[in-house]
PDB file of N, CA and C in Angstrom:
ATOM      1  N   GLY A   1      24.610 -24.565 -17.653  1.00  0.00           N
ATOM      2  CA  GLY A   1      25.120 -23.527 -18.492  1.00  0.00           C
ATOM      3  C   GLY A   1      25.645 -22.340 -17.695  1.00  0.00           C
ATOM      4  N   SER A   2      25.946 -21.300 -18.395  1.00  0.00           N
ATOM      5  CA  SER A   2      26.540 -20.100 -17.798  1.00  0.00           C
ATOM      6  C   SER A   2      25.614 -19.434 -16.786  1.00  0.00           C
ATOM      7  N   LEU A   3      24.324 -19.368 -17.100  1.00  0.00           N
ATOM      8  CA  LEU A   3      23.381 -18.739 -16.173  1.00  0.00           C
ATOM      9  C   LEU A   3      23.347 -19.495 -14.851  1.00  0.00           C
ATOM     10  N   ALA A   4      23.302 -20.810 -14.930  1.00  0.00           N
ATOM     11  CA  ALA A   4      23.281 -21.623 -13.710  1.00  0.00           C
ATOM     12  C   ALA A   4      24.537 -21.393 -12.878  1.00  0.00           C
ATOM     13  N   ASP A   5      25.676 -21.235 -13.539  1.00  0.00           N
ATOM     14  CA  ASP A   5      26.929 -20.971 -12.824  1.00  0.00           C
ATOM     15  C   ASP A   5      26.854 -19.659 -12.052  1.00  0.00           C
ATOM     16  N   ILE A   6      26.320 -18.624 -12.690  1.00  0.00           N
ATOM     17  CA  ILE A   6      26.208 -17.314 -12.049  1.00  0.00           C
ATOM     18  C   ILE A   6      25.227 -17.372 -10.874  1.00  0.00           C
ATOM     19  N   LEU A   7      24.104 -18.035 -11.076  1.00  0.00           N
ATOM     20  CA  LEU A   7      23.116 -18.146 -10.001  1.00  0.00           C
ATOM     21  C   LEU A   7      23.691 -18.903  -8.807  1.00  0.00           C
ATOM     22  N   THR A   8      24.505 -19.916  -9.079  1.00  0.00           N
ATOM     23  CA  THR A   8      25.145 -20.681  -8.013  1.00  0.00           C
ATOM     24  C   THR A   8      26.097 -19.805  -7.201  1.00  0.00           C
ATOM     25  N   ILE A   9      26.812 -18.915  -7.874  1.00  0.00           N
ATOM     26  CA  ILE A   9      27.720 -17.997  -7.172  1.00  0.00           C
ATOM     27  C   ILE A   9      26.938 -17.150  -6.172  1.00  0.00           C
ATOM     28  N   PHE A  10      25.808 -16.616  -6.609  1.00  0.00           N
ATOM     29  CA  PHE A  10      24.991 -15.813  -5.698  1.00  0.00           C
ATOM     30  C   PHE A  10      24.508 -16.659  -4.518  1.00  0.00           C
ATOM     31  N   LYS A  11      24.073 -17.869  -4.798  1.00  0.00           N
ATOM     32  CA  LYS A  11      23.599 -18.751  -3.728  1.00  0.00           C
ATOM     33  C   LYS A  11      24.712 -19.045  -2.725  1.00  0.00           C
ATOM     34  N   GLN A  12      25.911 -19.341  -3.218  1.00  0.00           N
ATOM     35  CA  GLN A  12      27.031 -19.664  -2.338  1.00  0.00           C
ATOM     36  C   GLN A  12      27.401 -18.498  -1.420  1.00  0.00           C
ATOM     37  N   HIS A  13      27.111 -17.290  -1.850  1.00  0.00           N
ATOM     38  CA  HIS A  13      27.434 -16.106  -1.049  1.00  0.00           C
ATOM     39  C   HIS A  13      26.213 -15.548  -0.310  1.00  0.00           C
ATOM     40  N   GLN A  14      25.150 -16.356  -0.246  1.00  0.00           N
ATOM     41  CA  GLN A  14      23.919 -16.016   0.470  1.00  0.00           C
ATOM     42  C   GLN A  14      23.296 -14.717  -0.024  1.00  0.00           C
ATOM     43  N   ILE A  15      23.277 -14.560  -1.349  1.00  0.00           N
ATOM     44  CA  ILE A  15      22.638 -13.413  -1.984  1.00  0.00           C
ATOM     45  C   ILE A  15      21.283 -13.881  -2.499  1.00  0.00           C
ATOM     46  N   ASN A  16      20.218 -13.205  -2.101  1.00  0.00           N
ATOM     47  CA  ASN A  16      18.867 -13.568  -2.505  1.00  0.00           C
ATOM     48  C   ASN A  16      18.510 -12.888  -3.823  1.00  0.00           C
ATOM     49  N   LEU A  17      18.066 -13.674  -4.793  1.00  0.00           N
ATOM     50  CA  LEU A  17      17.607 -13.125  -6.067  1.00  0.00           C
ATOM     51  C   LEU A  17      16.100 -12.945  -6.000  1.00  0.00           C
ATOM     52  N   THR A  18      15.642 -11.715  -6.143  1.00  0.00           N
ATOM     53  CA  THR A  18      14.211 -11.437  -6.062  1.00  0.00           C
ATOM     54  C   THR A  18      13.570 -11.341  -7.439  1.00  0.00           C
ATOM     55  N   LYS A  19      14.401 -11.212  -8.488  1.00  0.00           N
ATOM     56  CA  LYS A  19      13.879 -11.134  -9.851  1.00  0.00           C
ATOM     57  C   LYS A  19      14.982 -11.545 -10.820  1.00  0.00           C
ATOM     58  N   ILE A  20      14.610 -12.334 -11.836  1.00  0.00           N
ATOM     59  CA  ILE A  20      15.529 -12.713 -12.910  1.00  0.00           C
ATOM     60  C   ILE A  20      14.801 -12.485 -14.227  1.00  0.00           C
ATOM     61  N   GLN A  21      15.442 -11.772 -15.150  1.00  0.00           N
ATOM     62  CA  GLN A  21      14.845 -11.493 -16.457  1.00  0.00           C
ATOM     63  C   GLN A  21      15.904 -11.712 -17.533  1.00  0.00           C
ATOM     64  N   SER A  22      15.559 -12.491 -18.549  1.00  0.00           N
ATOM     65  CA  SER A  22      16.452 -12.772 -19.665  1.00  0.00           C
ATOM     66  C   SER A  22      15.969 -11.991 -20.887  1.00  0.00           C
ATOM     67  N   VAL A  23      16.872 -11.197 -21.495  1.00  0.00           N
ATOM     68  CA  VAL A  23      16.510 -10.352 -22.633  1.00  0.00           C
ATOM     69  C   VAL A  23      17.461 -10.650 -23.789  1.00  0.00           C
ATOM     70  N   PRO A  24      16.933 -11.025 -24.981  1.00  0.00           N
ATOM     71  CA  PRO A  24      17.820 -11.284 -26.123  1.00  0.00           C
ATOM     72  C   PRO A  24      18.595 -10.023 -26.509  1.00  0.00           C
ATOM     73  N   ILE A  25      19.862 -10.197 -26.904  1.00  0.00           N
ATOM     74  CA  ILE A  25      20.679  -9.080 -27.367  1.00  0.00           C
ATOM     75  C   ILE A  25      20.491  -8.949 -28.871  1.00  0.00           C
ATOM     76  N   ILE A  26      19.996  -7.802 -29.319  1.00  0.00           N
ATOM     77  CA  ILE A  26      19.711  -7.574 -30.734  1.00  0.00           C
ATOM     78  C   ILE A  26      20.999  -7.689 -31.540  1.00  0.00           C
ATOM     79  N   GLY A  27      20.921  -8.449 -32.633  1.00  0.00           N
ATOM     80  CA  GLY A  27      22.066  -8.614 -33.520  1.00  0.00           C
ATOM     81  C   GLY A  27      23.063  -9.670 -33.073  1.00  0.00           C
ATOM     82  N   LYS A  28      22.789 -10.314 -31.941  1.00  0.00           N
ATOM     83  CA  LYS A  28      23.693 -11.359 -31.444  1.00  0.00           C
ATOM     84  C   LYS A  28      22.872 -12.606 -31.129  1.00  0.00           C
ATOM     85  N   PRO A  29      22.649 -13.426 -32.161  1.00  0.00           N
ATOM     86  CA  PRO A  29      21.843 -14.633 -31.951  1.00  0.00           C
ATOM     87  C   PRO A  29      22.416 -15.503 -30.826  1.00  0.00           C
ATOM     88  N   SER A  30      21.561 -16.056 -30.062  1.00  0.00           N
ATOM     89  CA  SER A  30      21.909 -16.952 -28.953  1.00  0.00           C
ATOM     90  C   SER A  30      22.630 -16.261 -27.799  1.00  0.00           C
ATOM     91  N   GLU A  31      22.621 -14.916 -27.753  1.00  0.00           N
ATOM     92  CA  GLU A  31      23.206 -14.202 -26.618  1.00  0.00           C
ATOM     93  C   GLU A  31      22.108 -13.422 -25.904  1.00  0.00           C
ATOM     94  N   TYR A  32      22.205 -13.419 -24.588  1.00  0.00           N
ATOM     95  CA  TYR A  32      21.174 -12.785 -23.773  1.00  0.00           C
ATOM     96  C   TYR A  32      21.798 -11.887 -22.720  1.00  0.00           C
ATOM     97  N   SER A  33      21.063 -10.858 -22.378  1.00  0.00           N
ATOM     98  CA  SER A  33      21.396 -10.017 -21.240  1.00  0.00           C
ATOM     99  C   SER A  33      20.515 -10.501 -20.094  1.00  0.00           C
ATOM    100  N   ILE A  34      21.124 -10.762 -18.967  1.00  0.00           N
ATOM    101  CA  ILE A  34      20.379 -11.249 -17.817  1.00  0.00           C
ATOM    102  C   ILE A  34      20.309 -10.131 -16.785  1.00  0.00           C
ATOM    103  N   HIS A  35      19.102  -9.778 -16.400  1.00  0.00           N
ATOM    104  CA  HIS A  35      18.882  -8.733 -15.396  1.00  0.00           C
ATOM    105  C   HIS A  35      18.422  -9.415 -14.113  1.00  0.00           C
ATOM    106  N   VAL A  36      19.079  -9.102 -13.011  1.00  0.00           N
ATOM    107  CA  VAL A  36      18.673  -9.683 -11.729  1.00  0.00           C
ATOM    108  C   VAL A  36      18.547  -8.590 -10.678  1.00  0.00           C
ATOM    109  N   ASP A  37      17.594  -8.753  -9.808  1.00  0.00           N
ATOM    110  CA  ASP A  37      17.475  -7.925  -8.606  1.00  0.00           C
ATOM    111  C   ASP A  37      17.924  -8.807  -7.448  1.00  0.00           C
ATOM    112  N   VAL A  38      18.803  -8.282  -6.629  1.00  0.00           N
ATOM    113  CA  VAL A  38      19.333  -9.078  -5.524  1.00  0.00           C
ATOM    114  C   VAL A  38      19.185  -8.340  -4.199  1.00  0.00           C
ATOM    115  N   GLU A  39      19.134  -9.116  -3.132  1.00  0.00           N
ATOM    116  CA  GLU A  39      19.131  -8.583  -1.767  1.00  0.00           C
ATOM    117  C   GLU A  39      20.288  -9.229  -1.023  1.00  0.00           C
ATOM    118  N   TRP A  40      20.950  -8.463  -0.190  1.00  0.00           N
ATOM    119  CA  TRP A  40      22.053  -8.998   0.598  1.00  0.00           C
ATOM    120  C   TRP A  40      21.997  -8.416   1.994  1.00  0.00           C
ATOM    121  N   ARG A  41      22.517  -9.175   2.944  1.00  0.00           N
ATOM    122  CA  ARG A  41      22.553  -8.733   4.341  1.00  0.00           C
ATOM    123  C   ARG A  41      23.951  -8.256   4.728  1.00  0.00           C
ATOM    124  N   GLN A  42      24.974  -8.897   4.196  1.00  0.00           N
ATOM    125  CA  GLN A  42      26.343  -8.544   4.562  1.00  0.00           C
ATOM    126  C   GLN A  42      27.091  -8.050   3.327  1.00  0.00           C
ATOM    127  N   ARG A  43      27.569  -6.841   3.386  1.00  0.00           N
ATOM    128  CA  ARG A  43      28.243  -6.212   2.248  1.00  0.00           C
ATOM    129  C   ARG A  43      29.448  -7.034   1.775  1.00  0.00           C
ATOM    130  N   LYS A  44      30.170  -7.617   2.713  1.00  0.00           N
ATOM    131  CA  LYS A  44      31.357  -8.394   2.357  1.00  0.00           C
ATOM    132  C   LYS A  44      30.992  -9.570   1.450  1.00  0.00           C
ATOM    133  N   GLN A  45      29.921 -10.282   1.772  1.00  0.00           N
ATOM    134  CA  GLN A  45      29.493 -11.413   0.943  1.00  0.00           C
ATOM    135  C   GLN A  45      29.059 -10.933  -0.436  1.00  0.00           C
ATOM    136  N   TYR A  46      28.372  -9.819  -0.492  1.00  0.00           N
ATOM    137  CA  TYR A  46      27.936  -9.241  -1.769  1.00  0.00           C
ATOM    138  C   TYR A  46      29.149  -8.875  -2.623  1.00  0.00           C
ATOM    139  N   ASP A  47      30.124  -8.196  -2.031  1.00  0.00           N
ATOM    140  CA  ASP A  47      31.333  -7.805  -2.761  1.00  0.00           C
ATOM    141  C   ASP A  47      32.105  -9.023  -3.261  1.00  0.00           C
ATOM    142  N   GLN A  48      32.197 -10.059  -2.430  1.00  0.00           N
ATOM    143  CA  GLN A  48      32.890 -11.277  -2.843  1.00  0.00           C
ATOM    144  C   GLN A  48      32.166 -11.950  -4.003  1.00  0.00           C
ATOM    145  N   ALA A  49      30.844 -11.987  -3.948  1.00  0.00           N
ATOM    146  CA  ALA A  49      30.069 -12.579  -5.040  1.00  0.00           C
ATOM    147  C   ALA A  49      30.308 -11.820  -6.340  1.00  0.00           C
ATOM    148  N   LEU A  50      30.321 -10.497  -6.273  1.00  0.00           N
ATOM    149  CA  LEU A  50      30.551  -9.698  -7.480  1.00  0.00           C
ATOM    150  C   LEU A  50      31.927  -9.966  -8.078  1.00  0.00           C
ATOM    151  N   LYS A  51      32.938 -10.118  -7.247  1.00  0.00           N
ATOM    152  CA  LYS A  51      34.287 -10.413  -7.746  1.00  0.00           C
ATOM    153  C   LYS A  51      34.307 -11.721  -8.530  1.00  0.00           C
ATOM    154  N   VAL A  52      33.629 -12.723  -8.018  1.00  0.00           N
ATOM    155  CA  VAL A  52      33.585 -14.020  -8.694  1.00  0.00           C
ATOM    156  C   VAL A  52      32.770 -13.913  -9.983  1.00  0.00           C
ATOM    157  N   VAL A  53      31.629 -13.245  -9.931  1.00  0.00           N
ATOM    158  CA  VAL A  53      30.777 -13.083 -11.115  1.00  0.00           C
ATOM    159  C   VAL A  53      31.525 -12.341 -12.219  1.00  0.00           C
ATOM    160  N   LEU A  54      32.283 -11.319 -11.864  1.00  0.00           N
ATOM    161  CA  LEU A  54      33.016 -10.532 -12.862  1.00  0.00           C
ATOM    162  C   LEU A  54      34.002 -11.376 -13.666  1.00  0.00           C
ATOM    163  N   ARG A  55      34.486 -12.456 -13.090  1.00  0.00           N
ATOM    164  CA  ARG A  55      35.395 -13.345 -13.823  1.00  0.00           C
ATOM    165  C   ARG A  55      34.649 -14.232 -14.813  1.00  0.00           C
ATOM    166  N   GLN A  56      33.321 -14.297 -14.693  1.00  0.00           N
ATOM    167  CA  GLN A  56      32.522 -15.207 -15.508  1.00  0.00           C
ATOM    168  C   GLN A  56      31.761 -14.528 -16.646  1.00  0.00           C
ATOM    169  N   VAL A  57      31.615 -13.222 -16.605  1.00  0.00           N
ATOM    170  CA  VAL A  57      30.753 -12.524 -17.566  1.00  0.00           C
ATOM    171  C   VAL A  57      31.553 -11.561 -18.437  1.00  0.00           C
ATOM    172  N   ARG A  58      30.974 -11.227 -19.591  1.00  0.00           N
ATOM    173  CA  ARG A  58      31.596 -10.253 -20.493  1.00  0.00           C
ATOM    174  C   ARG A  58      31.389  -8.827 -20.012  1.00  0.00           C
ATOM    175  N   ASN A  59      30.238  -8.587 -19.411  1.00  0.00           N
ATOM    176  CA  ASN A  59      29.880  -7.231 -19.010  1.00  0.00           C
ATOM    177  C   ASN A  59      28.972  -7.305 -17.784  1.00  0.00           C
ATOM    178  N   LEU A  60      29.155  -6.365 -16.873  1.00  0.00           N
ATOM    179  CA  LEU A  60      28.299  -6.294 -15.693  1.00  0.00           C
ATOM    180  C   LEU A  60      27.959  -4.840 -15.427  1.00  0.00           C
ATOM    181  N   ASN A  61      26.676  -4.535 -15.435  1.00  0.00           N
ATOM    182  CA  ASN A  61      26.192  -3.190 -15.116  1.00  0.00           C
ATOM    183  C   ASN A  61      25.382  -3.272 -13.833  1.00  0.00           C
ATOM    184  N   ILE A  62      25.749  -2.486 -12.857  1.00  0.00           N
ATOM    185  CA  ILE A  62      25.000  -2.442 -11.602  1.00  0.00           C
ATOM    186  C   ILE A  62      24.122  -1.202 -11.646  1.00  0.00           C
ATOM    187  N   LEU A  63      22.815  -1.420 -11.628  1.00  0.00           N
ATOM    188  CA  LEU A  63      21.863  -0.318 -11.739  1.00  0.00           C
ATOM    189  C   LEU A  63      21.462   0.232 -10.377  1.00  0.00           C
ATOM    190  N   GLY A  64      21.679  -0.546  -9.354  1.00  0.00           N
ATOM    191  CA  GLY A  64      21.365  -0.113  -7.996  1.00  0.00           C
ATOM    192  C   GLY A  64      21.830  -1.178  -7.030  1.00  0.00           C
ATOM    193  N   GLU A  65      22.074  -0.799  -5.794  1.00  0.00           N
ATOM    194  CA  GLU A  65      22.502  -1.742  -4.769  1.00  0.00           C
ATOM    195  C   GLU A  65      21.623  -1.545  -3.545  1.00  0.00           C
ATOM    196  N   TYR A  66      21.101  -2.658  -3.026  1.00  0.00           N
ATOM    197  CA  TYR A  66      20.133  -2.559  -1.942  1.00  0.00           C
ATOM    198  C   TYR A  66      20.434  -3.581  -0.863  1.00  0.00           C
ATOM    199  N   LYS A  67      20.651  -3.095   0.337  1.00  0.00           N
ATOM    200  CA  LYS A  67      20.792  -3.993   1.472  1.00  0.00           C
ATOM    201  C   LYS A  67      19.398  -4.395   1.926  1.00  0.00           C
ATOM    202  N   LYS A  68      19.242  -5.664   2.279  1.00  0.00           N
ATOM    203  CA  LYS A  68      17.945  -6.152   2.742  1.00  0.00           C
ATOM    204  C   LYS A  68      17.538  -5.409   4.005  1.00  0.00           C
ATOM    205  N   ALA A  69      16.341  -4.896   4.002  1.00  0.00           N
ATOM    206  CA  ALA A  69      15.818  -4.147   5.149  1.00  0.00           C
ATOM    207  C   ALA A  69      15.238  -5.101   6.186  1.00  0.00           C
ATOM    208  N   ASN A  70      15.322  -4.711   7.419  1.00  0.00           N
ATOM    209  CA  ASN A  70      14.695  -5.453   8.513  1.00  0.00           C
ATOM    210  C   ASN A  70      13.460  -4.684   8.943  1.00  0.00           C
ATOM    211  N   ILE A  71      12.332  -5.074   8.401  1.00  0.00           N
ATOM    212  CA  ILE A  71      11.071  -4.386   8.696  1.00  0.00           C
ATOM    213  C   ILE A  71      10.279  -5.226   9.688  1.00  0.00           C
ATOM    214  N   GLN A  72       9.868  -4.602  10.764  1.00  0.00           N
ATOM    215  CA  GLN A  72       9.045  -5.289  11.756  1.00  0.00           C
ATOM    216  C   GLN A  72       7.672  -4.635  11.792  1.00  0.00           C
ATOM    217  N   PHE A  73       6.668  -5.477  11.725  1.00  0.00           N
ATOM    218  CA  PHE A  73       5.296  -4.986  11.777  1.00  0.00           C
ATOM    219  C   PHE A  73       4.751  -5.162  13.186  1.00  0.00           C
ATOM    220  N   SER A  74       4.046  -4.142  13.694  1.00  0.00           N
ATOM    221  CA  SER A  74       3.496  -4.250  15.038  1.00  0.00           C
ATOM    222  C   SER A  74       2.107  -4.798  15.014  1.00  0.00           C
TER     223      SER A  74
END
């Protein structure tokens, strides 16, 4: 389905999904808002993924953008 297509786009662009949440849209039976938290290492891949996703969805709201941190523990 549509969700699988979107998730595949993120995978193809090496975008890590850390959270996926599906929320029903009130008043629109069988329609859902999908909320995802993503991590990316290369901005170019993230931007390319968003361009492809935008062609597949009715609406896209970006609530925050986060580059994956490189944390080293001593």
